[in-house]
C-alpha atoms as a PDB file:
ATOM      1  CA  MET A   1      28.012 -23.810-114.625  1.00  0.00           C
ATOM      2  CA  THR A   2      25.968 -26.973-114.067  1.00  0.00           C
ATOM      3  CA  LYS A   3      23.262 -25.491-111.854  1.00  0.00           C
ATOM      4  CA  LYS A   4      19.985 -25.011-113.710  1.00  0.00           C
ATOM      5  CA  ILE A   5      18.857 -21.404-113.779  1.00  0.00           C
ATOM      6  CA  GLU A   6      15.212 -21.089-112.791  1.00  0.00           C
ATOM      7  CA  LEU A   7      13.520 -17.905-114.021  1.00  0.00           C
ATOM      8  CA  SER A   8      10.337 -16.181-112.887  1.00  0.00           C
ATOM      9  CA  VAL A   9       8.497 -12.895-113.435  1.00  0.00           C
ATOM     10  CA  LEU A  10       7.648 -10.050-111.071  1.00  0.00           C
ATOM     11  CA  ASP A  11       4.992  -7.859-112.666  1.00  0.00           C
ATOM     12  CA  PRO A  12       3.348  -4.736-111.196  1.00  0.00           C
ATOM     13  CA  SER A  13       1.187  -4.243-114.320  1.00  0.00           C
ATOM     14  CA  PRO A  14       3.112  -1.050-115.135  1.00  0.00           C
ATOM     15  CA  ILE A  15       1.105   1.861-116.483  1.00  0.00           C
ATOM     16  CA  VAL A  16       2.907   3.855-119.163  1.00  0.00           C
ATOM     17  CA  GLU A  17       2.533   7.545-119.863  1.00  0.00           C
ATOM     18  CA  GLY A  18      -0.512   7.997-122.091  1.00  0.00           C
ATOM     19  CA  GLY A  19      -1.749   4.498-121.280  1.00  0.00           C
ATOM     20  CA  SER A  20      -4.337   3.217-118.834  1.00  0.00           C
ATOM     21  CA  ALA A  21      -4.786   0.677-116.074  1.00  0.00           C
ATOM     22  CA  GLU A  22      -7.043  -1.334-118.404  1.00  0.00           C
ATOM     23  CA  LEU A  23      -4.309  -1.567-121.050  1.00  0.00           C
ATOM     24  CA  SER A  24      -1.695  -2.474-118.430  1.00  0.00           C
ATOM     25  CA  LEU A  25      -3.774  -5.330-117.054  1.00  0.00           C
ATOM     26  CA  GLN A  26      -4.346  -6.667-120.571  1.00  0.00           C
ATOM     27  CA  ASN A  27      -0.588  -6.485-121.156  1.00  0.00           C
ATOM     28  CA  THR A  28      -0.082  -8.449-117.933  1.00  0.00           C
ATOM     29  CA  LEU A  29      -2.251 -11.260-119.294  1.00  0.00           C
ATOM     30  CA  ASP A  30      -0.326 -11.227-122.565  1.00  0.00           C
ATOM     31  CA  LEU A  31       3.007 -11.264-120.725  1.00  0.00           C
ATOM     32  CA  ALA A  32       1.918 -14.187-118.560  1.00  0.00           C
ATOM     33  CA  LYS A  33       0.912 -16.294-121.549  1.00  0.00           C
ATOM     34  CA  LYS A  34       4.157 -15.539-123.373  1.00  0.00           C
ATOM     35  CA  THR A  35       6.470 -16.137-120.426  1.00  0.00           C
ATOM     36  CA  GLU A  36       4.780 -19.458-119.711  1.00  0.00           C
ATOM     37  CA  GLN A  37       5.606 -20.495-123.272  1.00  0.00           C
ATOM     38  CA  TRP A  38       9.220 -19.412-122.731  1.00  0.00           C
ATOM     39  CA  GLY A  39       9.610 -21.630-119.676  1.00  0.00           C
ATOM     40  CA  TYR A  40       9.284 -19.224-116.755  1.00  0.00           C
ATOM     41  CA  LYS A  41       8.520 -21.014-113.508  1.00  0.00           C
ATOM     42  CA  ARG A  42       6.261 -18.528-111.713  1.00  0.00           C
ATOM     43  CA  PHE A  43       4.553 -15.189-112.273  1.00  0.00           C
ATOM     44  CA  TRP A  44       4.046 -12.893-109.283  1.00  0.00           C
ATOM     45  CA  LEU A  45       1.994  -9.708-109.060  1.00  0.00           C
ATOM     46  CA  ALA A  46       3.274  -6.808-106.965  1.00  0.00           C
ATOM     47  CA  GLU A  47       0.915  -5.008-104.585  1.00  0.00           C
ATOM     48  CA  HIS A  48       1.125  -1.201-104.558  1.00  0.00           C
ATOM     49  CA  HIS A  49      -1.469   1.422-103.699  1.00  0.00           C
ATOM     50  CA  ASN A  50      -2.220   4.994-104.740  1.00  0.00           C
ATOM     51  CA  TRP A  51       0.557   4.764-107.328  1.00  0.00           C
ATOM     52  CA  ALA A  52       0.057   6.226-110.786  1.00  0.00           C
ATOM     53  CA  GLY A  53       2.418   3.770-112.471  1.00  0.00           C
ATOM     54  CA  MET A  54       1.095   0.401-111.267  1.00  0.00           C
ATOM     55  CA  ALA A  55      -2.234  -1.345-111.852  1.00  0.00           C
ATOM     56  CA  SER A  56      -1.868  -4.509-109.737  1.00  0.00           C
ATOM     57  CA  SER A  57      -3.118  -3.065-106.434  1.00  0.00           C
ATOM     58  CA  ALA A  58      -5.872  -5.709-106.062  1.00  0.00           C
ATOM     59  CA  SER A  59      -3.327  -8.471-106.577  1.00  0.00           C
ATOM     60  CA  PRO A  60      -5.459 -11.502-105.512  1.00  0.00           C
ATOM     61  CA  ILE A  61      -7.994 -10.625-108.210  1.00  0.00           C
ATOM     62  CA  VAL A  62      -5.261 -10.201-110.816  1.00  0.00           C
ATOM     63  CA  ILE A  63      -3.654 -13.469-109.693  1.00  0.00           C
ATOM     64  CA  GLY A  64      -6.904 -15.309-110.356  1.00  0.00           C
ATOM     65  CA  ARG A  65      -7.254 -13.745-113.788  1.00  0.00           C
ATOM     66  CA  VAL A  66      -3.649 -14.532-114.733  1.00  0.00           C
ATOM     67  CA  ALA A  67      -4.049 -18.115-113.524  1.00  0.00           C
ATOM     68  CA  SER A  68      -7.127 -18.455-115.741  1.00  0.00           C
ATOM     69  CA  VAL A  69      -5.165 -17.685-118.926  1.00  0.00           C
ATOM     70  CA  THR A  70      -2.171 -19.902-118.078  1.00  0.00           C
ATOM     71  CA  GLU A  71      -1.888 -23.648-117.530  1.00  0.00           C
ATOM     72  CA  LYS A  72       1.278 -24.673-115.670  1.00  0.00           C
ATOM     73  CA  MET A  73       3.126 -21.635-114.372  1.00  0.00           C
ATOM     74  CA  ARG A  74       2.770 -20.866-110.649  1.00  0.00           C
ATOM     75  CA  ILE A  75       0.971 -17.570-110.009  1.00  0.00           C
ATOM     76  CA  GLY A  76       1.320 -15.590-106.805  1.00  0.00           C
ATOM     77  CA  SER A  77       1.820 -12.414-104.849  1.00  0.00           C
ATOM     78  CA  GLY A  78       5.065 -10.496-104.706  1.00  0.00           C
ATOM     79  CA  ALA A  79       4.090  -9.498-102.103  1.00  0.00           C
ATOM     80  CA  MET A  80       0.768  -9.536-100.285  1.00  0.00           C
ATOM     81  CA  LEU A  81       1.216  -6.820 -97.661  1.00  0.00           C
ATOM     82  CA  LEU A  82       0.039  -8.652 -94.574  1.00  0.00           C
ATOM     83  CA  SER A  83       0.124  -5.589 -92.333  1.00  0.00           C
ATOM     84  CA  HIS A  84      -2.865  -4.184 -94.248  1.00  0.00           C
ATOM     85  CA  TYR A  85      -5.130  -7.205 -93.837  1.00  0.00           C
ATOM     86  CA  SER A  86      -6.401  -9.734 -91.342  1.00  0.00           C
ATOM     87  CA  PRO A  87      -4.705 -13.140 -91.646  1.00  0.00           C
ATOM     88  CA  LEU A  88      -8.139 -14.747 -91.893  1.00  0.00           C
ATOM     89  CA  SER A  89      -9.098 -12.706 -94.966  1.00  0.00           C
ATOM     90  CA  VAL A  90      -5.749 -13.470 -96.666  1.00  0.00           C
ATOM     91  CA  ALA A  91      -6.162 -17.190 -95.920  1.00  0.00           C
ATOM     92  CA  GLU A  92      -9.676 -17.148 -97.373  1.00  0.00           C
ATOM     93  CA  GLN A  93      -8.579 -15.305-100.526  1.00  0.00           C
ATOM     94  CA  PHE A  94      -5.602 -17.529-101.253  1.00  0.00           C
ATOM     95  CA  GLY A  95      -7.468 -20.641-100.153  1.00  0.00           C
ATOM     96  CA  THR A  96     -10.075 -19.767-102.763  1.00  0.00           C
ATOM     97  CA  LEU A  97      -7.391 -19.244-105.408  1.00  0.00           C
ATOM     98  CA  GLU A  98      -5.795 -22.583-104.498  1.00  0.00           C
ATOM     99  CA  THR A  99      -9.203 -24.268-104.735  1.00  0.00           C
ATOM    100  CA  PHE A 100      -9.711 -22.922-108.259  1.00  0.00           C
ATOM    101  CA  PHE A 101      -6.095 -23.529-109.352  1.00  0.00           C
ATOM    102  CA  PRO A 102      -4.716 -26.394-107.234  1.00  0.00           C
ATOM    103  CA  GLY A 103      -0.948 -26.630-106.984  1.00  0.00           C
ATOM    104  CA  ARG A 104      -0.360 -23.352-108.811  1.00  0.00           C
ATOM    105  CA  ILE A 105      -0.703 -20.575-106.208  1.00  0.00           C
ATOM    106  CA  ASP A 106       2.098 -18.901-104.203  1.00  0.00           C
ATOM    107  CA  LEU A 107       1.547 -16.581-101.248  1.00  0.00           C
ATOM    108  CA  GLY A 108       4.447 -14.163-100.988  1.00  0.00           C
ATOM    109  CA  LEU A 109       4.232 -11.882 -97.934  1.00  0.00           C
ATOM    110  CA  GLY A 110       5.820  -8.519 -97.232  1.00  0.00           C
ATOM    111  CA  ARG A 111       6.078  -6.193 -94.236  1.00  0.00           C
ATOM    112  CA  ALA A 112       6.500  -2.943 -96.147  1.00  0.00           C
ATOM    113  CA  PRO A 113       3.499  -0.607 -96.608  1.00  0.00           C
ATOM    114  CA  GLY A 114       3.835  -0.678-100.401  1.00  0.00           C
ATOM    115  CA  THR A 115       2.881   2.977-100.600  1.00  0.00           C
ATOM    116  CA  ASP A 116       3.212   6.248 -98.731  1.00  0.00           C
ATOM    117  CA  GLN A 117       2.384   6.360 -95.020  1.00  0.00           C
ATOM    118  CA  TYR A 118      -0.854   8.296 -95.522  1.00  0.00           C
ATOM    119  CA  THR A 119      -2.234   5.678 -97.898  1.00  0.00           C
ATOM    120  CA  ALA A 120      -1.042   2.914 -95.558  1.00  0.00           C
ATOM    121  CA  ASN A 121      -3.077   4.465 -92.766  1.00  0.00           C
ATOM    122  CA  VAL A 122      -6.173   4.493 -94.968  1.00  0.00           C
ATOM    123  CA  LEU A 123      -5.666   0.842 -95.855  1.00  0.00           C
ATOM    124  CA  ARG A 124      -4.901  -0.401 -92.374  1.00  0.00           C
ATOM    125  CA  GLN A 125      -7.260   1.556 -90.093  1.00  0.00           C
ATOM    126  CA  ARG A 126      -4.957   0.410 -87.297  1.00  0.00           C
ATOM    127  CA  VAL A 127      -6.154   0.056 -83.720  1.00  0.00           C
ATOM    128  CA  ALA A 128      -4.328  -0.156 -80.394  1.00  0.00           C
ATOM    129  CA  GLY A 129      -2.989  -3.581 -79.493  1.00  0.00           C
ATOM    130  CA  GLU A 130      -2.984  -4.843 -83.082  1.00  0.00           C
ATOM    131  CA  PRO A 131      -0.653  -7.862 -83.580  1.00  0.00           C
ATOM    132  CA  GLU A 132       2.708  -7.348 -85.279  1.00  0.00           C
ATOM    133  CA  PHE A 133       3.816  -9.000 -88.494  1.00  0.00           C
ATOM    134  CA  ASP A 134       5.267 -12.192 -87.020  1.00  0.00           C
ATOM    135  CA  ALA A 135       2.113 -12.816 -84.966  1.00  0.00           C
ATOM    136  CA  ARG A 136      -0.043 -12.262 -88.059  1.00  0.00           C
ATOM    137  CA  LEU A 137       2.176 -14.690 -89.955  1.00  0.00           C
ATOM    138  CA  GLN A 138       1.782 -17.400 -87.331  1.00  0.00           C
ATOM    139  CA  GLU A 139      -1.990 -16.919 -87.393  1.00  0.00           C
ATOM    140  CA  LEU A 140      -2.002 -17.184 -91.191  1.00  0.00           C
ATOM    141  CA  ILE A 141       0.018 -20.407 -91.052  1.00  0.00           C
ATOM    142  CA  ALA A 142      -2.507 -21.827 -88.566  1.00  0.00           C
ATOM    143  CA  TYR A 143      -5.333 -21.149 -91.015  1.00  0.00           C
ATOM    144  CA  LEU A 144      -3.622 -22.613 -94.091  1.00  0.00           C
ATOM    145  CA  TYR A 145      -1.670 -25.486 -92.531  1.00  0.00           C
ATOM    146  CA  GLY A 146      -3.614 -26.356 -89.393  1.00  0.00           C
ATOM    147  CA  THR A 147      -7.144 -26.364 -88.101  1.00  0.00           C
ATOM    148  CA  GLY A 148      -7.589 -22.643 -87.577  1.00  0.00           C
ATOM    149  CA  THR A 149      -7.300 -20.615 -84.384  1.00  0.00           C
ATOM    150  CA  ALA A 150      -9.339 -20.189 -81.220  1.00  0.00           C
ATOM    151  CA  THR A 151      -9.883 -17.586 -78.534  1.00  0.00           C
ATOM    152  CA  LYS A 152      -7.622 -17.865 -75.485  1.00  0.00           C
ATOM    153  CA  ASN A 153     -10.316 -19.564 -73.416  1.00  0.00           C
ATOM    154  CA  GLY A 154     -11.366 -21.775 -76.327  1.00  0.00           C
ATOM    155  CA  SER A 155     -14.864 -20.347 -76.430  1.00  0.00           C
ATOM    156  CA  PHE A 156     -14.848 -19.737 -80.175  1.00  0.00           C
ATOM    157  CA  SER A 157     -12.785 -21.009 -83.108  1.00  0.00           C
ATOM    158  CA  PHE A 158     -11.940 -19.392 -86.444  1.00  0.00           C
ATOM    159  CA  HIS A 159     -11.479 -21.242 -89.714  1.00  0.00           C
ATOM    160  CA  ALA A 160     -10.510 -20.159 -93.229  1.00  0.00           C
ATOM    161  CA  ILE A 161     -13.085 -21.666 -95.576  1.00  0.00           C
ATOM    162  CA  PRO A 162     -11.832 -22.185 -98.249  1.00  0.00           C
ATOM    163  CA  GLY A 163      -8.206 -22.255 -97.129  1.00  0.00           C
ATOM    164  CA  GLU A 164      -7.935 -24.616 -94.204  1.00  0.00           C
ATOM    165  CA  LYS A 165      -5.252 -27.280 -94.788  1.00  0.00           C
ATOM    166  CA  THR A 166      -4.726 -26.169 -98.398  1.00  0.00           C
ATOM    167  CA  LYS A 167      -1.055 -25.568 -97.500  1.00  0.00           C
ATOM    168  CA  VAL A 168      -0.607 -22.751 -99.989  1.00  0.00           C
ATOM    169  CA  PRO A 169       3.181 -22.214-100.180  1.00  0.00           C
ATOM    170  CA  ILE A 170       4.164 -19.185 -98.094  1.00  0.00           C
ATOM    171  CA  TRP A 171       7.186 -17.056 -98.962  1.00  0.00           C
ATOM    172  CA  LEU A 172       8.699 -14.165 -97.068  1.00  0.00           C
ATOM    173  CA  LEU A 173       9.850 -11.238 -99.184  1.00  0.00           C
ATOM    174  CA  GLY A 174      12.146  -8.522 -97.947  1.00  0.00           C
ATOM    175  CA  SER A 175      14.882  -5.987 -98.584  1.00  0.00           C
ATOM    176  CA  GLY A 176      16.711  -6.259 -95.257  1.00  0.00           C
ATOM    177  CA  SER A 177      17.618  -8.423 -92.317  1.00  0.00           C
ATOM    178  CA  TYR A 178      14.293  -8.845 -90.479  1.00  0.00           C
ATOM    179  CA  SER A 179      12.447 -10.898 -93.088  1.00  0.00           C
ATOM    180  CA  ALA A 180      15.617 -12.812 -93.936  1.00  0.00           C
ATOM    181  CA  GLN A 181      16.096 -13.941 -90.346  1.00  0.00           C
ATOM    182  CA  LEU A 182      12.398 -14.682 -89.799  1.00  0.00           C
ATOM    183  CA  ALA A 183      12.223 -16.736 -93.000  1.00  0.00           C
ATOM    184  CA  GLY A 184      15.263 -18.702 -91.862  1.00  0.00           C
ATOM    185  CA  ILE A 185      13.958 -19.313 -88.340  1.00  0.00           C
ATOM    186  CA  LEU A 186      10.585 -20.528 -89.659  1.00  0.00           C
ATOM    187  CA  GLY A 187      12.122 -22.544 -92.471  1.00  0.00           C
ATOM    188  CA  LEU A 188      10.295 -20.643 -95.210  1.00  0.00           C
ATOM    189  CA  PRO A 189      11.588 -19.788 -98.692  1.00  0.00           C
ATOM    190  CA  PHE A 190      12.979 -16.247 -98.947  1.00  0.00           C
ATOM    191  CA  SER A 191      12.787 -13.747-101.795  1.00  0.00           C
ATOM    192  CA  PHE A 192      15.099 -10.742-101.727  1.00  0.00           C
ATOM    193  CA  ALA A 193      14.161  -7.435-103.362  1.00  0.00           C
ATOM    194  CA  GLY A 194      17.336  -6.945-105.366  1.00  0.00           C
ATOM    195  CA  HIS A 195      15.396  -4.919-107.906  1.00  0.00           C
ATOM    196  CA  PHE A 196      15.427  -1.889-105.599  1.00  0.00           C
ATOM    197  CA  ALA A 197      17.632  -2.641-102.545  1.00  0.00           C
ATOM    198  CA  PRO A 198      20.749  -4.431-103.848  1.00  0.00           C
ATOM    199  CA  GLY A 199      22.983  -2.896-101.179  1.00  0.00           C
ATOM    200  CA  ASN A 200      21.560  -5.308 -98.595  1.00  0.00           C
ATOM    201  CA  MET A 201      21.544  -8.325-100.883  1.00  0.00           C
ATOM    202  CA  MET A 202      24.570 -10.351 -99.784  1.00  0.00           C
ATOM    203  CA  GLU A 203      24.051  -9.703 -96.061  1.00  0.00           C
ATOM    204  CA  ALA A 204      20.362 -10.656 -96.189  1.00  0.00           C
ATOM    205  CA  ILE A 205      21.001 -13.852 -98.156  1.00  0.00           C
ATOM    206  CA  LYS A 206      23.763 -14.868 -95.729  1.00  0.00           C
ATOM    207  CA  LEU A 207      21.551 -14.167 -92.711  1.00  0.00           C
ATOM    208  CA  TYR A 208      18.760 -16.245 -94.185  1.00  0.00           C
ATOM    209  CA  ARG A 209      21.024 -19.205 -94.797  1.00  0.00           C
ATOM    210  CA  ASP A 210      22.717 -18.871 -91.389  1.00  0.00           C
ATOM    211  CA  TYR A 211      19.382 -18.771 -89.540  1.00  0.00           C
ATOM    212  CA  PHE A 212      17.652 -21.432 -91.622  1.00  0.00           C
ATOM    213  CA  ARG A 213      16.082 -24.346 -89.783  1.00  0.00           C
ATOM    214  CA  PRO A 214      14.474 -27.300 -91.619  1.00  0.00           C
ATOM    215  CA  SER A 215      10.693 -27.194 -91.280  1.00  0.00           C
ATOM    216  CA  GLN A 216       7.422 -28.576 -92.590  1.00  0.00           C
ATOM    217  CA  PHE A 217       7.878 -26.117 -95.469  1.00  0.00           C
ATOM    218  CA  LEU A 218      11.473 -26.759 -96.544  1.00  0.00           C
ATOM    219  CA  GLU A 219      14.358 -29.071 -95.751  1.00  0.00           C
ATOM    220  CA  GLU A 220      16.969 -26.706 -97.183  1.00  0.00           C
ATOM    221  CA  PRO A 221      17.064 -22.912 -97.702  1.00  0.00           C
ATOM    222  CA  TYR A 222      15.681 -21.566-100.946  1.00  0.00           C
ATOM    223  CA  VAL A 223      16.613 -18.104-102.232  1.00  0.00           C
ATOM    224  CA  LEU A 224      14.690 -16.287-104.948  1.00  0.00           C
ATOM    225  CA  LEU A 225      16.368 -13.064-106.083  1.00  0.00           C
ATOM    226  CA  ALA A 226      14.384 -10.322-107.840  1.00  0.00           C
ATOM    227  CA  VAL A 227      16.415  -8.102-110.191  1.00  0.00           C
ATOM    228  CA  GLN A 228      15.764  -5.492-112.833  1.00  0.00           C
ATOM    229  CA  VAL A 229      16.249  -6.787-116.374  1.00  0.00           C
ATOM    230  CA  VAL A 230      16.332  -4.808-119.619  1.00  0.00           C
ATOM    231  CA  ALA A 231      17.388  -6.853-122.625  1.00  0.00           C
ATOM    232  CA  ALA A 232      17.352  -6.064-126.340  1.00  0.00           C
ATOM    233  CA  ASP A 233      18.939  -7.409-129.497  1.00  0.00           C
ATOM    234  CA  GLU A 234      21.499  -4.587-129.466  1.00  0.00           C
ATOM    235  CA  LYS A 235      23.396  -3.365-126.408  1.00  0.00           C
ATOM    236  CA  GLN A 236      22.838   0.292-127.266  1.00  0.00           C
ATOM    237  CA  GLU A 237      19.098  -0.253-127.582  1.00  0.00           C
ATOM    238  CA  ALA A 238      18.967  -2.017-124.207  1.00  0.00           C
ATOM    239  CA  GLN A 239      20.746   0.921-122.611  1.00  0.00           C
ATOM    240  CA  ARG A 240      18.279   3.325-124.223  1.00  0.00           C
ATOM    241  CA  LEU A 241      15.257   1.279-123.073  1.00  0.00           C
ATOM    242  CA  ALA A 242      16.689   1.238-119.552  1.00  0.00           C
ATOM    243  CA  THR A 243      16.363   5.018-119.311  1.00  0.00           C
ATOM    244  CA  SER A 244      12.637   4.507-118.605  1.00  0.00           C
ATOM    245  CA  MET A 245      13.668   2.564-115.509  1.00  0.00           C
ATOM    246  CA  TYR A 246      16.200   5.249-114.563  1.00  0.00           C
ATOM    247  CA  GLN A 247      13.555   7.960-114.911  1.00  0.00           C
ATOM    248  CA  LYS A 248      11.189   6.010-112.669  1.00  0.00           C
ATOM    249  CA  PHE A 249      13.732   5.796-109.855  1.00  0.00           C
ATOM    250  CA  LEU A 250      14.864   9.383-110.407  1.00  0.00           C
ATOM    251  CA  LEU A 251      11.315  10.617-109.895  1.00  0.00           C
ATOM    252  CA  LEU A 252      10.948   8.383-106.835  1.00  0.00           C
ATOM    253  CA  THR A 253      13.995  10.035-105.261  1.00  0.00           C
ATOM    254  CA  ARG A 254      12.201  13.338-105.829  1.00  0.00           C
ATOM    255  CA  GLY A 255       8.998  12.017-104.271  1.00  0.00           C
ATOM    256  CA  GLN A 256       7.188  12.066-107.612  1.00  0.00           C
ATOM    257  CA  PRO A 257       5.997   8.556-108.560  1.00  0.00           C
ATOM    258  CA  SER A 258       4.698   8.542-112.119  1.00  0.00           C
ATOM    259  CA  PRO A 259       3.686   6.272-114.992  1.00  0.00           C
ATOM    260  CA  ILE A 260       6.516   4.663-116.967  1.00  0.00           C
ATOM    261  CA  LEU A 261       8.010   7.325-119.234  1.00  0.00           C
ATOM    262  CA  PRO A 262       9.370   6.891-122.779  1.00  0.00           C
ATOM    263  CA  PRO A 263      13.120   6.281-123.082  1.00  0.00           C
ATOM    264  CA  VAL A 264      15.443   9.204-123.660  1.00  0.00           C
ATOM    265  CA  ASP A 265      18.800   9.544-125.393  1.00  0.00           C
ATOM    266  CA  ASN A 266      20.649  11.278-122.570  1.00  0.00           C
ATOM    267  CA  MET A 267      19.905  10.917-118.849  1.00  0.00           C
ATOM    268  CA  ASP A 268      22.502  13.550-118.000  1.00  0.00           C
ATOM    269  CA  GLU A 269      20.018  16.150-119.181  1.00  0.00           C
ATOM    270  CA  LEU A 270      17.558  14.974-116.482  1.00  0.00           C
ATOM    271  CA  TRP A 271      19.581  14.241-113.322  1.00  0.00           C
ATOM    272  CA  ASN A 272      22.400  15.824-111.386  1.00  0.00           C
ATOM    273  CA  ASP A 273      25.405  13.897-110.051  1.00  0.00           C
ATOM    274  CA  ASN A 274      23.858  13.228-106.644  1.00  0.00           C
ATOM    275  CA  GLU A 275      20.633  11.955-108.182  1.00  0.00           C
ATOM    276  CA  ARG A 276      22.536   9.754-110.608  1.00  0.00           C
ATOM    277  CA  ARG A 277      24.492   8.164-107.761  1.00  0.00           C
ATOM    278  CA  ALA A 278      21.303   7.622-105.741  1.00  0.00           C
ATOM    279  CA  VAL A 279      19.608   5.877-108.667  1.00  0.00           C
ATOM    280  CA  GLU A 280      22.659   3.762-109.481  1.00  0.00           C
ATOM    281  CA  GLU A 281      22.868   2.606-105.847  1.00  0.00           C
ATOM    282  CA  GLN A 282      19.353   1.188-106.172  1.00  0.00           C
ATOM    283  CA  LEU A 283      19.967  -0.451-109.527  1.00  0.00           C
ATOM    284  CA  PHE A 284      23.523  -1.767-109.575  1.00  0.00           C
ATOM    285  CA  THR A 285      22.418  -5.413-109.797  1.00  0.00           C
ATOM    286  CA  SER A 286      20.362  -4.689-112.925  1.00  0.00           C
ATOM    287  CA  ILE A 287      20.947  -6.916-115.925  1.00  0.00           C
ATOM    288  CA  ILE A 288      21.070  -4.694-119.004  1.00  0.00           C
ATOM    289  CA  GLY A 289      22.378  -5.622-122.440  1.00  0.00           C
ATOM    290  CA  ASP A 290      22.204  -7.676-125.615  1.00  0.00           C
ATOM    291  CA  PRO A 291      21.761 -11.478-125.527  1.00  0.00           C
ATOM    292  CA  ALA A 292      25.459 -12.195-124.938  1.00  0.00           C
ATOM    293  CA  GLY A 293      25.738  -9.541-122.249  1.00  0.00           C
ATOM    294  CA  VAL A 294      22.571 -10.677-120.501  1.00  0.00           C
ATOM    295  CA  LYS A 295      23.768 -14.271-120.467  1.00  0.00           C
ATOM    296  CA  GLN A 296      27.106 -13.269-118.938  1.00  0.00           C
ATOM    297  CA  GLN A 297      25.528 -10.991-116.313  1.00  0.00           C
ATOM    298  CA  LEU A 298      22.949 -13.617-115.386  1.00  0.00           C
ATOM    299  CA  HIS A 299      25.573 -16.290-114.812  1.00  0.00           C
ATOM    300  CA  GLU A 300      27.785 -13.895-112.862  1.00  0.00           C
ATOM    301  CA  LEU A 301      24.869 -13.008-110.578  1.00  0.00           C
ATOM    302  CA  ILE A 302      24.100 -16.670-109.932  1.00  0.00           C
ATOM    303  CA  GLU A 303      27.754 -17.371-109.146  1.00  0.00           C
ATOM    304  CA  LYS A 304      27.934 -14.408-106.766  1.00  0.00           C
ATOM    305  CA  THR A 305      24.742 -15.144-104.834  1.00  0.00           C
ATOM    306  CA  ASP A 306      24.149 -18.875-105.404  1.00  0.00           C
ATOM    307  CA  ALA A 307      20.470 -17.950-105.759  1.00  0.00           C
ATOM    308  CA  ASP A 308      18.130 -20.829-106.522  1.00  0.00           C
ATOM    309  CA  GLU A 309      15.909 -18.710-108.750  1.00  0.00           C
ATOM    310  CA  ILE A 310      16.000 -15.328-110.491  1.00  0.00           C
ATOM    311  CA  MET A 311      12.832 -13.243-110.739  1.00  0.00           C
ATOM    312  CA  ALA A 312      13.009 -10.741-113.581  1.00  0.00           C
ATOM    313  CA  HIS A 313      11.376  -7.351-113.028  1.00  0.00           C
ATOM    314  CA  THR A 314      11.161  -5.539-116.347  1.00  0.00           C
ATOM    315  CA  GLU A 315       9.451  -2.195-116.898  1.00  0.00           C
ATOM    316  CA  ILE A 316       9.905  -1.030-120.479  1.00  0.00           C
ATOM    317  CA  PHE A 317       7.740   1.629-122.100  1.00  0.00           C
ATOM    318  CA  ASP A 318       6.937  -0.355-125.252  1.00  0.00           C
ATOM    319  CA  HIS A 319       5.078  -3.607-124.598  1.00  0.00           C
ATOM    320  CA  LYS A 320       6.615  -5.467-127.553  1.00  0.00           C
ATOM    321  CA  ALA A 321      10.092  -4.486-126.424  1.00  0.00           C
ATOM    322  CA  ARG A 322       9.215  -5.665-122.911  1.00  0.00           C
ATOM    323  CA  LEU A 323       8.141  -9.045-124.266  1.00  0.00           C
ATOM    324  CA  ARG A 324      11.374  -9.325-126.232  1.00  0.00           C
ATOM    325  CA  SER A 325      13.367  -8.570-123.077  1.00  0.00           C
ATOM    326  CA  TYR A 326      11.773 -11.501-121.252  1.00  0.00           C
ATOM    327  CA  GLU A 327      12.322 -13.742-124.275  1.00  0.00           C
ATOM    328  CA  ILE A 328      16.033 -12.892-124.371  1.00  0.00           C
ATOM    329  CA  MET A 329      16.319 -13.544-120.634  1.00  0.00           C
ATOM    330  CA  ALA A 330      14.742 -16.979-121.097  1.00  0.00           C
ATOM    331  CA  GLN A 331      17.167 -17.805-123.876  1.00  0.00           C
ATOM    332  CA  ALA A 332      20.113 -16.720-121.727  1.00  0.00           C
ATOM    333  CA  ALA A 333      19.086 -19.143-118.986  1.00  0.00           C
ATOM    334  CA  VAL A 334      19.103 -22.220-121.191  1.00  0.00           C
ATOM    335  CA  ASN A 335      21.955 -21.519-123.625  1.00  0.00           C
END
């Protein structure tokens, strides 16, 4: 394979059982500094709310802090949930980040609530006649790439200050067809959530490329693929570490989100056959193994999808083991 493999990080600042949000955020800073040294291209923070296992809910604040302890790596949102916020406020926040860290900020956007519906309602405080996602997106683009927006009769104009004309790169993130098509139509880069919805992966990537139109943002389609990665020096150890990930998704299928749990020796003692199949359906693109196995799986995934970039999502109970997983992944991309 001659195509260079670009690697990035998707981090939700995972909270482990017995840990704390404070510890998780400190681990995020440590992870960012290490992965920059290992050659990762970008580091994105996931936005989730009312979730016991994730500490990156206020992602713009975390993005700023991560950018302050790194030097070159792009830092961004994976994803900022635009349905919860006004486009003006998002433009101001990311315009401010871009002003502090020029040329290093990414604005990844998602349509999903990022939480349960009750929490989404608390966040949104929706009102009748509120614009839908694509209208919000167009308004956001006007703030960051144009000269703001105005009322229909032109009586008043709105500007993102800071933000206006900063041209913060906008990405659309998704796990299905809607965001893939919209990203293609608008000529935006597209990131697919293969770390939890791999069943839609090939269809969504094809739709994006089929619908893509050159734009002020991109001349050619660009696909970033997020996948679960658990790597260790020994295959058996990687498989054991991955049971923390399996337990997370098992509890999600039961409607019981929790902190990241310690690995176990035998998952069959925890799930039934139906639950096992449900978890495996969400995780079948996961890269799990020793250095040789990770290298092979990584190259096979690139060949299958022709993705331009792989974003590793790694939630391992032990922080040192998590760091080692990202280090092995980096080595697999260059060897």
